[in-house]
Protein backbone atom coordinates (compact mmCIF):
# COMPACT_ATOMS: atom_id res chain seq x y z
CA MET A 1 122.53 -204.02 -18.12
CA THR A 2 120.16 -206.86 -17.43
CA ASN A 3 119.54 -209.63 -20.66
CA ALA A 4 115.88 -209.40 -21.80
CA PHE A 5 113.54 -211.44 -24.10
CA VAL A 6 112.61 -209.71 -27.05
CA ILE A 7 109.47 -211.78 -28.92
CA ASN A 8 107.31 -211.08 -32.50
CA GLY A 9 104.78 -213.29 -31.38
CA GLY A 10 101.17 -214.54 -33.26
CA LYS A 11 103.23 -216.95 -35.38
CA PRO A 12 102.51 -221.04 -35.01
CA LEU A 13 105.59 -223.11 -34.02
CA LYS A 14 106.17 -226.51 -35.54
CA GLY A 15 109.03 -229.15 -34.85
CA GLU A 16 110.29 -231.03 -32.10
CA ILE A 17 111.70 -230.43 -28.79
CA THR A 18 113.62 -232.69 -25.52
CA PRO A 19 112.59 -231.42 -22.43
CA GLN A 20 115.92 -230.91 -20.15
CA GLY A 21 116.82 -232.90 -16.86
CA ALA A 22 114.33 -232.10 -13.88
CA LYS A 23 116.04 -229.08 -12.59
CA ASN A 24 114.71 -230.24 -8.98
CA GLU A 25 115.39 -233.58 -8.95
CA ALA A 26 119.40 -232.27 -9.95
CA LEU A 27 119.39 -230.39 -6.46
CA GLN A 28 118.75 -233.57 -4.76
CA VAL A 29 120.74 -236.57 -6.54
CA ILE A 30 124.06 -233.82 -7.00
CA SER A 31 123.58 -233.52 -3.30
CA ALA A 32 123.49 -237.07 -2.71
CA VAL A 33 127.14 -237.64 -4.05
CA LEU A 34 128.45 -236.26 -0.42
CA LEU A 35 127.31 -239.42 0.91
CA THR A 36 130.26 -241.52 -0.41
CA GLU A 37 133.53 -241.70 -1.21
CA GLU A 38 133.56 -243.59 -4.23
CA LYS A 39 132.63 -242.53 -7.81
CA VAL A 40 129.24 -240.96 -8.66
CA THR A 41 127.89 -240.82 -12.33
CA ILE A 42 124.72 -238.97 -13.06
CA SER A 43 123.65 -238.46 -16.58
CA ASN A 44 120.77 -235.87 -18.65
CA ILE A 45 121.93 -232.82 -15.69
CA PRO A 46 120.59 -229.91 -16.87
CA ASP A 47 122.63 -226.54 -17.85
CA ILE A 48 121.51 -223.91 -15.93
CA LYS A 49 122.45 -221.83 -12.89
CA ASP A 50 120.89 -223.29 -10.41
CA VAL A 51 122.44 -226.83 -10.64
CA ASN A 52 125.58 -225.35 -12.23
CA LYS A 53 126.06 -223.28 -8.79
CA LEU A 54 125.59 -226.25 -6.68
CA ILE A 55 128.00 -228.10 -8.73
CA GLU A 56 130.52 -225.57 -8.24
CA LEU A 57 129.78 -225.51 -4.58
CA LEU A 58 130.71 -228.71 -3.90
CA GLY A 59 133.90 -228.34 -5.99
CA ASP A 60 134.71 -225.50 -3.90
CA MET A 61 134.20 -228.01 -0.86
CA GLY A 62 136.80 -230.44 -2.18
CA VAL A 63 134.42 -233.09 -4.26
CA VAL A 64 136.48 -233.48 -7.53
CA THR A 65 133.78 -232.81 -10.02
CA GLU A 66 134.30 -233.64 -13.97
CA LYS A 67 132.19 -232.90 -17.27
CA VAL A 68 132.49 -236.79 -18.79
CA ALA A 69 129.87 -235.93 -21.96
CA ASP A 70 127.44 -233.59 -22.34
CA ALA A 71 125.10 -233.46 -19.75
CA THR A 72 126.88 -236.13 -17.70
CA TYR A 73 129.27 -235.54 -14.71
CA THR A 74 131.06 -237.67 -12.16
CA PHE A 75 131.73 -236.74 -8.62
CA ILE A 76 133.97 -238.37 -6.02
CA ALA A 77 133.48 -237.19 -2.69
CA LYS A 78 136.60 -238.15 -0.87
CA ASP A 79 138.48 -235.53 0.87
CA ILE A 80 136.02 -232.81 1.88
CA ASP A 81 137.20 -229.51 3.29
CA GLN A 82 135.90 -228.98 6.61
CA ASP A 83 136.59 -225.39 7.47
CA PHE A 84 135.31 -224.33 4.12
CA PHE A 85 131.72 -224.25 6.10
CA GLN A 86 132.86 -221.69 8.11
CA SER A 87 134.16 -219.49 5.29
CA GLU A 88 132.81 -215.93 3.81
CA ALA A 89 132.65 -217.68 0.13
CA PHE A 90 130.71 -220.60 1.53
CA LYS A 91 128.35 -217.73 2.84
CA SER A 92 127.95 -215.73 -0.53
CA LYS A 93 127.84 -218.93 -2.31
CA GLY A 94 125.35 -221.01 -0.23
CA GLY A 95 123.16 -217.86 0.62
CA GLY A 96 122.45 -217.34 -3.19
CA LEU A 97 121.35 -220.86 -4.17
CA ARG A 98 118.35 -221.79 -2.43
CA GLY A 99 119.46 -225.68 -3.53
CA SER A 100 122.32 -225.21 -1.00
CA ILE A 101 120.08 -226.53 2.10
CA MET A 102 120.12 -229.95 0.24
CA ILE A 103 123.86 -230.55 1.31
CA VAL A 104 123.39 -230.27 4.86
CA GLY A 105 121.37 -233.57 5.23
CA PRO A 106 124.02 -235.61 3.40
CA LEU A 107 126.70 -233.58 5.59
CA LEU A 108 125.08 -233.76 8.55
CA ALA A 109 125.18 -238.09 7.96
CA ARG A 110 128.92 -238.79 6.70
CA PHE A 111 130.35 -236.00 9.19
CA GLY A 112 128.33 -235.31 12.37
CA LYS A 113 128.56 -231.58 11.38
CA ALA A 114 127.37 -228.82 8.92
CA SER A 115 126.47 -225.32 8.97
CA ILE A 116 124.70 -223.39 6.66
CA PRO A 117 123.94 -219.53 5.77
CA LYS A 118 120.12 -218.96 5.86
CA PRO A 119 119.00 -219.64 1.90
CA GLY A 120 118.14 -217.39 -0.74
CA GLY A 121 115.97 -217.90 -3.91
CA ASP A 122 112.48 -217.85 -5.51
CA LYS A 123 110.48 -214.47 -4.63
CA ILE A 124 107.36 -216.80 -3.89
CA GLY A 125 106.02 -215.98 -0.28
CA ARG A 126 107.42 -218.03 2.82
CA ARG A 127 109.51 -221.06 1.70
CA ARG A 128 110.14 -222.36 5.16
CA LEU A 129 112.85 -224.49 6.34
CA ASP A 130 111.50 -225.63 9.58
CA THR A 131 110.31 -228.90 8.16
CA HIS A 132 114.82 -229.98 7.37
CA PHE A 133 115.45 -228.88 10.67
CA LEU A 134 112.54 -230.48 12.68
CA GLY A 135 113.36 -233.54 11.21
CA PHE A 136 117.48 -233.12 11.35
CA GLU A 137 116.47 -232.63 15.60
CA LYS A 138 114.55 -235.69 15.84
CA LEU A 139 116.74 -238.21 14.29
CA GLY A 140 119.57 -236.09 16.96
CA ALA A 141 121.03 -232.89 15.60
CA GLN A 142 121.52 -230.05 17.72
CA PHE A 143 121.54 -226.93 15.77
CA ASN A 144 121.78 -223.36 16.80
CA TYR A 145 121.05 -219.98 14.59
CA ASN A 146 123.97 -217.20 15.04
CA PRO A 147 122.38 -214.23 14.27
CA GLU A 148 125.88 -212.23 14.21
CA ASP A 149 127.34 -214.07 10.96
CA GLY A 150 123.73 -215.93 9.74
CA PHE A 151 125.01 -219.65 10.16
CA PHE A 152 123.21 -222.49 11.34
CA ASN A 153 125.69 -224.47 12.70
CA VAL A 154 124.21 -228.43 13.46
CA ASP A 155 125.91 -230.94 15.86
CA ALA A 156 124.94 -234.70 14.38
CA SER A 157 127.71 -236.99 16.16
CA ASN A 158 125.03 -239.29 17.55
CA LEU A 159 122.12 -240.05 14.88
CA GLN A 160 119.67 -242.41 15.77
CA GLY A 161 116.67 -243.15 13.97
CA THR A 162 113.14 -242.76 14.98
CA TYR A 163 109.86 -241.87 13.37
CA ILE A 164 108.78 -238.60 12.00
CA LEU A 165 106.03 -237.03 11.12
CA LEU A 166 106.78 -234.41 8.66
CA ASP A 167 104.78 -231.24 9.33
CA GLU A 168 104.04 -230.67 5.73
CA ALA A 169 104.85 -233.47 3.05
CA SER A 170 107.86 -230.94 1.61
CA VAL A 171 109.97 -232.39 -1.32
CA THR A 172 113.33 -231.04 -0.04
CA GLY A 173 112.23 -231.23 3.58
CA THR A 174 111.64 -235.36 2.83
CA ALA A 175 114.72 -235.28 0.81
CA ASN A 176 117.31 -234.21 3.20
CA ILE A 177 115.59 -236.08 5.84
CA VAL A 178 116.18 -239.23 4.15
CA MET A 179 119.78 -238.68 3.10
CA THR A 180 120.29 -238.09 6.67
CA ALA A 181 118.56 -241.34 7.64
CA VAL A 182 120.72 -243.11 5.63
CA LEU A 183 123.70 -243.38 7.71
CA SER A 184 122.10 -242.67 10.91
CA LYS A 185 121.69 -245.78 13.78
CA GLY A 186 118.84 -247.93 13.55
CA THR A 187 115.67 -247.49 11.35
CA THR A 188 113.72 -244.43 10.57
CA THR A 189 110.06 -244.13 9.45
CA ILE A 190 108.82 -241.30 8.06
CA TYR A 191 105.22 -240.52 7.92
CA ASN A 192 103.73 -238.10 5.21
CA ALA A 193 106.55 -238.07 3.32
CA ALA A 194 106.55 -236.24 -0.24
CA CYS A 195 106.57 -238.94 -2.86
CA GLU A 196 107.12 -236.86 -5.76
CA PRO A 197 108.86 -239.09 -8.87
CA TYR A 198 111.97 -236.94 -8.30
CA LEU A 199 112.05 -238.22 -4.59
CA GLN A 200 111.44 -241.79 -6.23
CA GLN A 201 114.63 -241.44 -8.06
CA LEU A 202 116.30 -240.39 -4.78
CA CYS A 203 115.61 -243.24 -3.10
CA LYS A 204 116.49 -245.57 -5.99
CA MET A 205 119.51 -244.08 -6.15
CA LEU A 206 120.75 -244.36 -2.54
CA ASN A 207 119.03 -247.93 -2.40
CA ARG A 208 121.80 -248.50 -5.57
CA MET A 209 124.49 -247.00 -3.42
CA GLY A 210 123.61 -249.77 -0.61
CA ALA A 211 121.13 -247.66 0.93
CA LYS A 212 117.81 -249.60 2.27
CA ILE A 213 115.05 -247.79 2.05
CA SER A 214 111.41 -249.18 1.30
CA GLY A 215 107.99 -247.73 0.93
CA ILE A 216 109.70 -245.83 -2.21
CA GLY A 217 106.42 -244.27 -4.08
CA SER A 218 104.19 -244.28 -0.82
CA ASN A 219 103.90 -241.22 1.80
CA LEU A 220 105.32 -244.05 4.57
CA LEU A 221 109.19 -244.52 3.97
CA THR A 222 111.15 -246.72 6.02
CA ILE A 223 115.06 -246.75 6.18
CA GLU A 224 117.03 -249.00 8.18
CA GLY A 225 120.63 -247.25 8.43
CA VAL A 226 123.77 -248.31 7.20
CA THR A 227 127.03 -247.78 8.14
CA LYS A 228 128.48 -246.50 4.48
CA LEU A 229 127.24 -246.27 1.06
CA GLY A 230 129.34 -246.96 -2.31
CA GLY A 231 129.25 -245.42 -5.81
CA THR A 232 126.50 -245.83 -8.52
CA GLU A 233 125.27 -244.37 -12.06
CA HIS A 234 122.09 -242.32 -12.64
CA ARG A 235 120.16 -240.70 -15.28
CA MET A 236 117.87 -237.99 -14.06
CA LEU A 237 113.92 -238.16 -15.42
CA PRO A 238 113.29 -235.15 -17.92
CA ASP A 239 112.18 -232.51 -16.44
CA MET A 240 107.88 -232.46 -16.02
CA ILE A 241 107.81 -228.96 -15.51
CA GLU A 242 109.29 -228.26 -19.44
CA ILE A 243 107.28 -230.68 -20.58
CA GLY A 244 103.87 -229.16 -19.08
CA SER A 245 105.17 -226.06 -20.32
CA PHE A 246 105.93 -227.09 -23.87
CA ILE A 247 101.99 -228.83 -23.73
CA GLY A 248 100.62 -225.12 -22.78
CA LEU A 249 102.90 -223.47 -25.54
CA ALA A 250 101.61 -225.69 -28.37
CA ALA A 251 97.74 -225.42 -27.67
CA MET A 252 98.17 -221.48 -27.00
CA THR A 253 100.07 -220.21 -30.16
CA GLY A 254 98.16 -223.16 -32.40
CA SER A 255 101.55 -225.39 -33.12
CA GLU A 256 102.11 -228.84 -33.69
CA ILE A 257 105.26 -229.64 -31.66
CA THR A 258 106.21 -233.47 -30.57
CA ILE A 259 107.75 -233.52 -27.24
CA LYS A 260 110.75 -236.26 -27.29
CA ASP A 261 111.26 -238.52 -24.52
CA VAL A 262 109.20 -237.78 -21.76
CA GLN A 263 108.75 -240.80 -19.66
CA TYR A 264 104.85 -240.38 -19.73
CA LYS A 265 104.02 -243.11 -16.37
CA GLU A 266 105.84 -240.62 -14.73
CA LEU A 267 103.93 -237.35 -15.19
CA GLY A 268 101.32 -238.41 -12.77
CA MET A 269 97.76 -236.14 -13.94
CA ILE A 270 99.57 -233.74 -15.61
CA PRO A 271 98.69 -235.00 -19.41
CA ASP A 272 95.32 -235.05 -18.35
CA VAL A 273 94.76 -231.58 -16.62
CA PHE A 274 95.61 -230.33 -19.87
CA LYS A 275 92.86 -232.20 -21.46
CA ARG A 276 90.41 -230.69 -19.05
CA LEU A 277 91.18 -227.68 -20.81
CA GLY A 278 90.62 -229.45 -23.83
CA ILE A 279 94.26 -229.39 -25.45
CA LYS A 280 94.12 -232.66 -27.42
CA LEU A 281 97.76 -235.00 -26.81
CA GLU A 282 98.48 -238.44 -27.98
CA LEU A 283 101.41 -240.42 -26.88
CA ARG A 284 103.72 -242.16 -29.72
CA GLY A 285 105.87 -244.25 -28.45
CA ASP A 286 107.48 -241.97 -25.27
CA ASP A 287 106.73 -239.26 -27.44
CA ILE A 288 103.68 -236.56 -26.86
CA TYR A 289 102.47 -235.48 -30.16
CA ILE A 290 100.38 -232.43 -29.99
CA PRO A 291 98.26 -231.72 -33.13
CA ALA A 292 97.89 -227.87 -34.23
CA GLN A 293 94.81 -226.98 -32.85
CA ASP A 294 92.59 -223.03 -33.62
CA HIS A 295 90.31 -224.02 -30.64
CA TYR A 296 90.29 -225.83 -27.27
CA GLU A 297 87.47 -225.73 -24.68
CA ILE A 298 87.49 -226.12 -20.95
CA GLU A 299 85.21 -229.06 -19.63
CA THR A 300 82.86 -228.21 -17.01
CA PHE A 301 82.82 -230.40 -14.03
CA ILE A 302 79.59 -233.09 -14.48
CA ASP A 303 76.75 -230.90 -12.68
CA GLY A 304 78.01 -227.90 -15.30
CA SER A 305 79.80 -226.04 -12.42
CA ILE A 306 82.86 -223.95 -13.18
CA MET A 307 86.16 -226.42 -13.34
CA THR A 308 88.64 -225.85 -10.54
CA ILE A 309 92.27 -226.49 -11.42
CA ALA A 310 94.07 -226.70 -7.62
CA ASP A 311 97.50 -228.08 -6.98
CA ALA A 312 98.24 -230.77 -4.39
CA PRO A 313 101.25 -232.43 -3.35
CA TRP A 314 101.90 -235.33 -4.96
CA PRO A 315 99.78 -237.59 -6.97
CA GLY A 316 98.42 -234.07 -7.13
CA PHE A 317 98.88 -231.16 -9.69
CA THR A 318 102.39 -229.86 -9.18
CA PRO A 319 101.88 -226.00 -7.86
CA ASP A 320 104.88 -224.95 -10.89
CA LEU A 321 102.15 -225.74 -13.23
CA LEU A 322 99.41 -223.51 -12.39
CA SER A 323 100.93 -220.33 -13.46
CA ILE A 324 101.28 -222.18 -17.20
CA VAL A 325 97.82 -223.42 -16.67
CA LEU A 326 96.71 -220.01 -16.04
CA VAL A 327 97.95 -218.62 -18.90
CA VAL A 328 96.98 -221.74 -21.29
CA ALA A 329 93.13 -220.68 -20.14
CA ILE A 330 93.48 -217.40 -21.63
CA GLN A 331 92.68 -218.57 -25.04
CA ALA A 332 90.15 -221.75 -24.03
CA LYS A 333 86.93 -221.28 -24.99
CA GLY A 334 84.95 -221.69 -21.55
CA SER A 335 86.29 -220.44 -17.59
CA VAL A 336 88.30 -221.96 -15.04
CA LEU A 337 89.26 -221.17 -11.24
CA ILE A 338 92.67 -221.63 -11.01
CA HIS A 339 93.73 -221.99 -6.76
CA GLN A 340 97.52 -221.88 -6.28
CA LYS A 341 97.24 -223.03 -2.35
CA MET A 342 100.83 -223.50 -1.86
CA PHE A 343 102.24 -220.08 -2.42
CA GLU A 344 100.68 -216.96 -1.41
CA SER A 345 102.23 -214.30 -4.24
CA ARG A 346 102.45 -216.78 -7.04
CA LEU A 347 99.47 -215.11 -8.77
CA PHE A 348 101.06 -211.70 -8.94
CA PHE A 349 101.73 -211.70 -12.51
CA VAL A 350 98.43 -211.59 -13.51
CA ASP A 351 98.87 -207.93 -13.89
CA LYS A 352 101.16 -208.49 -16.55
CA LEU A 353 98.65 -210.80 -18.70
CA LEU A 354 95.74 -208.09 -17.74
CA ASP A 355 98.01 -205.50 -19.82
CA MET A 356 97.99 -207.94 -22.47
CA GLY A 357 94.35 -207.85 -23.14
CA ALA A 358 93.20 -211.19 -21.06
CA GLN A 359 90.30 -211.68 -18.67
CA ILE A 360 91.36 -212.39 -15.68
CA ILE A 361 89.34 -212.12 -12.18
CA LEU A 362 92.23 -211.85 -9.31
CA CYS A 363 89.61 -213.16 -6.32
CA ASP A 364 92.68 -212.88 -4.03
CA PRO A 365 96.88 -213.93 -3.54
CA HIS A 366 95.72 -217.88 -3.82
CA ARG A 367 92.72 -217.33 -6.65
CA ALA A 368 92.22 -216.39 -10.14
CA THR A 369 89.07 -217.28 -12.42
CA VAL A 370 89.97 -217.02 -16.41
CA ILE A 371 87.22 -215.74 -18.33
CA GLY A 372 88.60 -217.61 -22.11
CA LEU A 373 89.00 -215.95 -25.16
CA ASP A 374 88.35 -218.17 -27.27
CA LYS A 375 91.09 -217.00 -29.91
CA GLN A 376 88.60 -214.63 -30.67
CA VAL A 377 90.79 -211.38 -29.33
CA GLN A 378 94.42 -212.26 -29.64
CA LEU A 379 96.89 -210.78 -26.84
CA ARG A 380 98.72 -207.84 -27.41
CA GLY A 381 102.50 -207.70 -26.96
CA ILE A 382 103.64 -205.30 -24.16
CA SER A 383 107.30 -204.80 -22.12
CA MET A 384 107.22 -207.15 -18.94
CA THR A 385 109.32 -208.37 -16.00
CA SER A 386 109.46 -211.58 -14.32
CA PRO A 387 108.73 -212.04 -10.98
CA ASP A 388 109.88 -216.05 -10.38
CA ILE A 389 110.86 -218.79 -12.65
CA ARG A 390 108.04 -220.45 -13.64
CA ALA A 391 105.84 -217.35 -14.22
CA GLY A 392 108.30 -216.25 -16.36
CA VAL A 393 107.72 -219.12 -18.85
CA SER A 394 104.14 -218.31 -18.40
CA LEU A 395 104.53 -214.91 -19.49
CA LEU A 396 107.27 -216.16 -22.65
CA ILE A 397 104.58 -218.46 -24.15
CA ALA A 398 101.91 -215.41 -23.27
CA ALA A 399 104.25 -213.75 -25.58
CA LEU A 400 104.73 -216.03 -28.22
CA SER A 401 101.10 -215.91 -28.49
CA ALA A 402 100.19 -212.26 -28.53
CA GLN A 403 100.08 -209.80 -31.65
CA GLY A 404 103.48 -207.85 -31.76
CA LYS A 405 106.52 -207.04 -30.17
CA SER A 406 107.08 -208.50 -26.12
CA THR A 407 109.92 -207.38 -24.42
CA ILE A 408 110.71 -209.72 -20.67
CA TYR A 409 113.28 -207.78 -18.57
CA ASN A 410 114.77 -209.87 -15.81
CA ILE A 411 114.76 -213.04 -17.60
CA GLU A 412 117.71 -214.64 -15.19
CA GLN A 413 114.91 -215.59 -13.60
CA ILE A 414 113.68 -217.98 -16.40
CA GLU A 415 117.45 -219.06 -16.70
CA ARG A 416 117.54 -220.28 -13.64
CA GLY A 417 115.16 -222.89 -14.48
CA TYR A 418 115.22 -223.32 -18.24
CA GLN A 419 118.19 -224.10 -20.21
CA ASN A 420 119.03 -222.30 -23.70
CA ILE A 421 115.00 -221.60 -23.83
CA ASP A 422 115.71 -219.00 -26.76
CA THR A 423 117.93 -221.14 -29.20
CA ARG A 424 115.56 -224.37 -28.02
CA LEU A 425 112.24 -222.15 -29.28
CA LYS A 426 113.72 -220.73 -32.33
CA ALA A 427 114.31 -224.26 -33.20
CA LEU A 428 110.65 -224.42 -33.42
CA GLY A 429 110.38 -221.26 -35.75
CA ALA A 430 110.01 -218.81 -32.54
CA ASP A 431 111.02 -215.04 -33.36
CA ILE A 432 112.73 -214.46 -30.18
CA THR A 433 116.00 -212.52 -29.56
CA ARG A 434 118.28 -212.06 -26.60
CA ILE A 435 119.29 -208.53 -25.78
């Protein structure tokens, strides 16, 4: 019997909520502990499945991991069991976790070889791993895919710095190549590098460990290889996707909510995009305060044409929040075109919103037009299943704003990305039960 959330919606919420540490940063910085024998301490780690699985996987490899405080771990990657990577245990654990790709770069850099099972994860269209492997190859790694056992085996005994132009500004691809390049001989230049705050965090952490990375925050990174790295302490950023989700939740349910400690300067254009939907928010210290609003109106472009919100590589708008924007627009006044460029099936959860009474035209797998109801009509509660992490939280927000009872199945998908979401929403007054 799988878990589900039962939500009685239509009630305004009130209070403070603190975002968890950033899931996407966690998978990178935790993998980076493999680059040194010395102790690395990381704080503000979110307690979610994908991250816990990665920490467990490091433990299986021989990394000594210790939870020293709430959300804080120490890692000592001194003795790594090389045979583990050919084992069935690694195949089943690594295969079920997309984040496991992130350990390849550090292992190549430090030990000159690695193998990984073909990764799994979200069902949101093709997520190619070519960027990672092309980068490793350019640095001098030889790899072969063994269809018999489903492993990629990589040999990197002679890594050499080089110029790399990435075929796409992949965040995980950039992170993996950076972690490989820091211990390669000579200088590596990565152009069209991703420049997300998470990646900047990783680069700053590596520099504190003794790496020489310049150009942090831009799409041109220069890395001078060093022979070894040392330990460090690192605190993770709050999760910007959670912060965006909570802004949307406040608007849609007409709630007065304060989101604590958001590291506002790292949020890029996220607050502005929500302001374009007509949502009022103000910065108080490093908290975002959202007043209770019974009405919000989508801006139009200056010439009066319909607002388009599209995702783009950072510093553009993150694709992970488009599902949230789409849901929040349902109760706005006005219309908006949501253009999801990166993944081809992320908008397919729209059918559930239509069942709830939303006015949405799905133009094609990448575009949907939302015609706002302006809170003249409330959504109605239904039973539904969550297809992926971000759609799951979008449906949760829709359910909290809807009249009556909703049931969301497959909440394992939500919990891969959001820790204790039901407990934290209850603290704001949400009527949500886990069954």
